[in-house]
Amino acid sequence: MNRSLTKRARCLRLNVGLPKSFWAEVVSMACYLINRSPWASLTGKVAEEVWTGNQVNFDHLRIFGCSAYVHVPSDERSKLDPKSKQYIFLGYKEDVKGYKFWDPAARKMVISHDAVFDE
């Protein structure tokens, strides 16, 4: 399992062109995708589906490293500032319903659920 996780993480990182310092985000995303992939030993079903008995929803899945325009709340901008800002999609937040984004200009991580993806 470690080998497949490492291989997927390496492919994700190299495909997007992220530096090695993003290894934690990349491995987290690779693990998220592996856990939602069908398994031959489960007759093509996803482990979560077998475990819970519920259908798994894939509508929230996005392309790792794609551009996304995230809404900037009105209390964080002036009247003439843009209403969205461009970020890089890095994965899914576990504790809350939302996505993780990287702001290359400010060099910080942003969590939001209000985004438009450019895939």
C-alpha atoms as a PDB file:
ATOM      1  CA  MET A   1       0.000   0.000   0.000  1.00  0.00           C
ATOM      2  CA  ASN A   2       2.845   2.413   0.777  1.00  0.00           C
ATOM      3  CA  ARG A   3       4.306   1.918  -2.682  1.00  0.00           C
ATOM      4  CA  SER A   4       1.037   2.719  -4.470  1.00  0.00           C
ATOM      5  CA  LEU A   5       0.486   5.726  -2.197  1.00  0.00           C
ATOM      6  CA  THR A   6       3.989   7.012  -2.917  1.00  0.00           C
ATOM      7  CA  LYS A   7       3.636   6.433  -6.654  1.00  0.00           C
ATOM      8  CA  ARG A   8       0.325   8.290  -6.829  1.00  0.00           C
ATOM      9  CA  ALA A   9       1.638  11.125  -4.691  1.00  0.00           C
ATOM     10  CA  ARG A  10       4.718  11.485  -6.899  1.00  0.00           C
ATOM     11  CA  CYS A  11       2.571  11.558 -10.050  1.00  0.00           C
ATOM     12  CA  LEU A  12       0.225  14.167  -8.579  1.00  0.00           C
ATOM     13  CA  ARG A  13       3.102  16.412  -7.483  1.00  0.00           C
ATOM     14  CA  LEU A  14       5.018  16.167 -10.759  1.00  0.00           C
ATOM     15  CA  ASN A  15       1.904  16.654 -12.892  1.00  0.00           C
ATOM     16  CA  VAL A  16       1.124  19.940 -11.163  1.00  0.00           C
ATOM     17  CA  GLY A  17       4.745  21.022 -10.764  1.00  0.00           C
ATOM     18  CA  LEU A  18       4.625  21.572  -7.014  1.00  0.00           C
ATOM     19  CA  PRO A  19       7.841  21.643  -4.985  1.00  0.00           C
ATOM     20  CA  LYS A  20       8.660  18.802  -2.577  1.00  0.00           C
ATOM     21  CA  SER A  21       7.605  20.980   0.357  1.00  0.00           C
ATOM     22  CA  PHE A  22       3.974  20.141  -0.525  1.00  0.00           C
ATOM     23  CA  TRP A  23       4.520  16.428   0.163  1.00  0.00           C
ATOM     24  CA  ALA A  24       1.963  16.315   3.016  1.00  0.00           C
ATOM     25  CA  GLU A  25      -0.832  17.789   0.892  1.00  0.00           C
ATOM     26  CA  VAL A  26       0.022  15.522  -2.038  1.00  0.00           C
ATOM     27  CA  VAL A  27       0.104  12.335   0.070  1.00  0.00           C
ATOM     28  CA  SER A  28      -3.170  13.332   1.737  1.00  0.00           C
ATOM     29  CA  MET A  29      -4.812  13.764  -1.668  1.00  0.00           C
ATOM     30  CA  ALA A  30      -3.385  10.458  -2.954  1.00  0.00           C
ATOM     31  CA  CYS A  31      -4.763   8.667   0.123  1.00  0.00           C
ATOM     32  CA  TYR A  32      -8.153  10.336  -0.361  1.00  0.00           C
ATOM     33  CA  LEU A  33      -8.282   9.105  -3.966  1.00  0.00           C
ATOM     34  CA  ILE A  34      -7.120   5.567  -3.112  1.00  0.00           C
ATOM     35  CA  ASN A  35      -9.840   5.297  -0.463  1.00  0.00           C
ATOM     36  CA  ARG A  36     -12.437   6.216  -3.075  1.00  0.00           C
ATOM     37  CA  SER A  37     -11.146   3.943  -5.844  1.00  0.00           C
ATOM     38  CA  PRO A  38     -12.777   0.620  -6.767  1.00  0.00           C
ATOM     39  CA  TRP A  39     -11.019  -2.562  -5.631  1.00  0.00           C
ATOM     40  CA  ALA A  40     -10.898  -5.815  -7.608  1.00  0.00           C
ATOM     41  CA  SER A  41     -11.091  -7.796  -4.353  1.00  0.00           C
ATOM     42  CA  LEU A  42     -14.403  -6.050  -3.595  1.00  0.00           C
ATOM     43  CA  THR A  43     -15.795  -6.911  -7.049  1.00  0.00           C
ATOM     44  CA  GLY A  44     -15.209  -3.404  -8.327  1.00  0.00           C
ATOM     45  CA  LYS A  45     -16.799  -1.607  -5.389  1.00  0.00           C
ATOM     46  CA  VAL A  46     -15.381   1.199  -3.292  1.00  0.00           C
ATOM     47  CA  ALA A  47     -14.373   0.250   0.270  1.00  0.00           C
ATOM     48  CA  GLU A  48     -16.509   3.022   1.775  1.00  0.00           C
ATOM     49  CA  GLU A  49     -19.550   1.724  -0.112  1.00  0.00           C
ATOM     50  CA  VAL A  50     -19.020  -1.816   1.209  1.00  0.00           C
ATOM     51  CA  TRP A  51     -18.369  -0.567   4.747  1.00  0.00           C
ATOM     52  CA  THR A  52     -21.369   1.782   5.047  1.00  0.00           C
ATOM     53  CA  GLY A  53     -23.759   0.223   2.556  1.00  0.00           C
ATOM     54  CA  ASN A  54     -24.402   3.647   1.008  1.00  0.00           C
ATOM     55  CA  GLN A  55     -23.604   4.784  -2.522  1.00  0.00           C
ATOM     56  CA  VAL A  56     -20.492   6.973  -2.695  1.00  0.00           C
ATOM     57  CA  ASN A  57     -20.968  10.422  -4.235  1.00  0.00           C
ATOM     58  CA  PHE A  58     -18.161  11.542  -6.561  1.00  0.00           C
ATOM     59  CA  ASP A  59     -19.634  14.921  -7.552  1.00  0.00           C
ATOM     60  CA  HIS A  60     -17.254  16.840  -5.279  1.00  0.00           C
ATOM     61  CA  LEU A  61     -14.060  15.410  -6.828  1.00  0.00           C
ATOM     62  CA  ARG A  62     -11.865  17.967  -8.582  1.00  0.00           C
ATOM     63  CA  ILE A  63      -8.619  17.814 -10.539  1.00  0.00           C
ATOM     64  CA  PHE A  64      -5.652  18.183  -8.197  1.00  0.00           C
ATOM     65  CA  GLY A  65      -3.670  21.355  -8.873  1.00  0.00           C
ATOM     66  CA  CYS A  66      -6.302  23.010 -11.055  1.00  0.00           C
ATOM     67  CA  SER A  67      -6.979  26.725 -10.915  1.00  0.00           C
ATOM     68  CA  ALA A  68      -9.916  27.824  -8.817  1.00  0.00           C
ATOM     69  CA  TYR A  69     -11.560  31.153  -8.196  1.00  0.00           C
ATOM     70  CA  VAL A  70     -12.511  31.463  -4.544  1.00  0.00           C
ATOM     71  CA  HIS A  71     -15.071  33.974  -3.309  1.00  0.00           C
ATOM     72  CA  VAL A  72     -13.626  36.703  -1.098  1.00  0.00           C
ATOM     73  CA  PRO A  73     -16.114  37.580   1.682  1.00  0.00           C
ATOM     74  CA  SER A  74     -17.382  41.165   1.683  1.00  0.00           C
ATOM     75  CA  ASP A  75     -15.814  41.880   5.089  1.00  0.00           C
ATOM     76  CA  GLU A  76     -12.352  41.066   3.648  1.00  0.00           C
ATOM     77  CA  ARG A  77     -12.560  43.338   0.594  1.00  0.00           C
ATOM     78  CA  SER A  78     -13.496  46.886  -0.274  1.00  0.00           C
ATOM     79  CA  LYS A  79     -16.244  47.867  -2.662  1.00  0.00           C
ATOM     80  CA  LEU A  80     -13.873  48.124  -5.641  1.00  0.00           C
ATOM     81  CA  ASP A  81     -11.833  44.973  -4.963  1.00  0.00           C
ATOM     82  CA  PRO A  82     -12.479  41.800  -6.970  1.00  0.00           C
ATOM     83  CA  LYS A  83     -15.052  39.404  -5.517  1.00  0.00           C
ATOM     84  CA  SER A  84     -12.897  36.342  -6.152  1.00  0.00           C
ATOM     85  CA  LYS A  85      -9.237  35.417  -6.091  1.00  0.00           C
ATOM     86  CA  GLN A  86      -7.368  32.765  -8.065  1.00  0.00           C
ATOM     87  CA  TYR A  87      -5.834  29.899  -6.084  1.00  0.00           C
ATOM     88  CA  ILE A  88      -4.471  26.389  -6.697  1.00  0.00           C
ATOM     89  CA  PHE A  89      -6.639  23.477  -5.561  1.00  0.00           C
ATOM     90  CA  LEU A  90      -4.753  21.155  -3.168  1.00  0.00           C
ATOM     91  CA  GLY A  91      -7.368  18.835  -1.715  1.00  0.00           C
ATOM     92  CA  TYR A  92     -10.242  18.378   0.661  1.00  0.00           C
ATOM     93  CA  LYS A  93     -10.563  19.532   4.258  1.00  0.00           C
ATOM     94  CA  GLU A  94     -11.336  16.641   6.611  1.00  0.00           C
ATOM     95  CA  ASP A  95     -12.957  18.414   9.564  1.00  0.00           C
ATOM     96  CA  VAL A  96     -15.255  20.747   7.628  1.00  0.00           C
ATOM     97  CA  LYS A  97     -17.003  20.649   4.288  1.00  0.00           C
ATOM     98  CA  GLY A  98     -14.632  22.558   2.081  1.00  0.00           C
ATOM     99  CA  TYR A  99     -11.621  22.566  -0.177  1.00  0.00           C
ATOM    100  CA  LYS A 100      -7.972  23.424   0.497  1.00  0.00           C
ATOM    101  CA  PHE A 101      -6.357  26.019  -1.747  1.00  0.00           C
ATOM    102  CA  TRP A 102      -2.863  27.470  -2.029  1.00  0.00           C
ATOM    103  CA  ASP A 103      -2.399  31.203  -2.493  1.00  0.00           C
ATOM    104  CA  PRO A 104       0.977  31.525  -4.259  1.00  0.00           C
ATOM    105  CA  ALA A 105       1.076  35.318  -3.880  1.00  0.00           C
ATOM    106  CA  ALA A 106       0.562  35.317  -0.102  1.00  0.00           C
ATOM    107  CA  ARG A 107       2.176  31.867   0.321  1.00  0.00           C
ATOM    108  CA  LYS A 108      -0.619  30.609   2.575  1.00  0.00           C
ATOM    109  CA  MET A 109      -3.289  27.904   2.688  1.00  0.00           C
ATOM    110  CA  VAL A 110      -6.952  28.907   2.363  1.00  0.00           C
ATOM    111  CA  ILE A 111     -10.014  26.798   3.224  1.00  0.00           C
ATOM    112  CA  SER A 112     -13.276  27.512   1.404  1.00  0.00           C
ATOM    113  CA  HIS A 113     -16.335  25.755   0.024  1.00  0.00           C
ATOM    114  CA  ASP A 114     -17.346  28.645  -2.233  1.00  0.00           C
ATOM    115  CA  ALA A 115     -15.237  28.233  -5.377  1.00  0.00           C
ATOM    116  CA  VAL A 116     -15.471  27.920  -9.141  1.00  0.00           C
ATOM    117  CA  PHE A 117     -12.984  25.438 -10.599  1.00  0.00           C
ATOM    118  CA  ASP A 118     -11.175  25.899 -13.917  1.00  0.00           C
ATOM    119  CA  GLU A 119     -10.638  22.249 -14.841  1.00  0.00           C
END
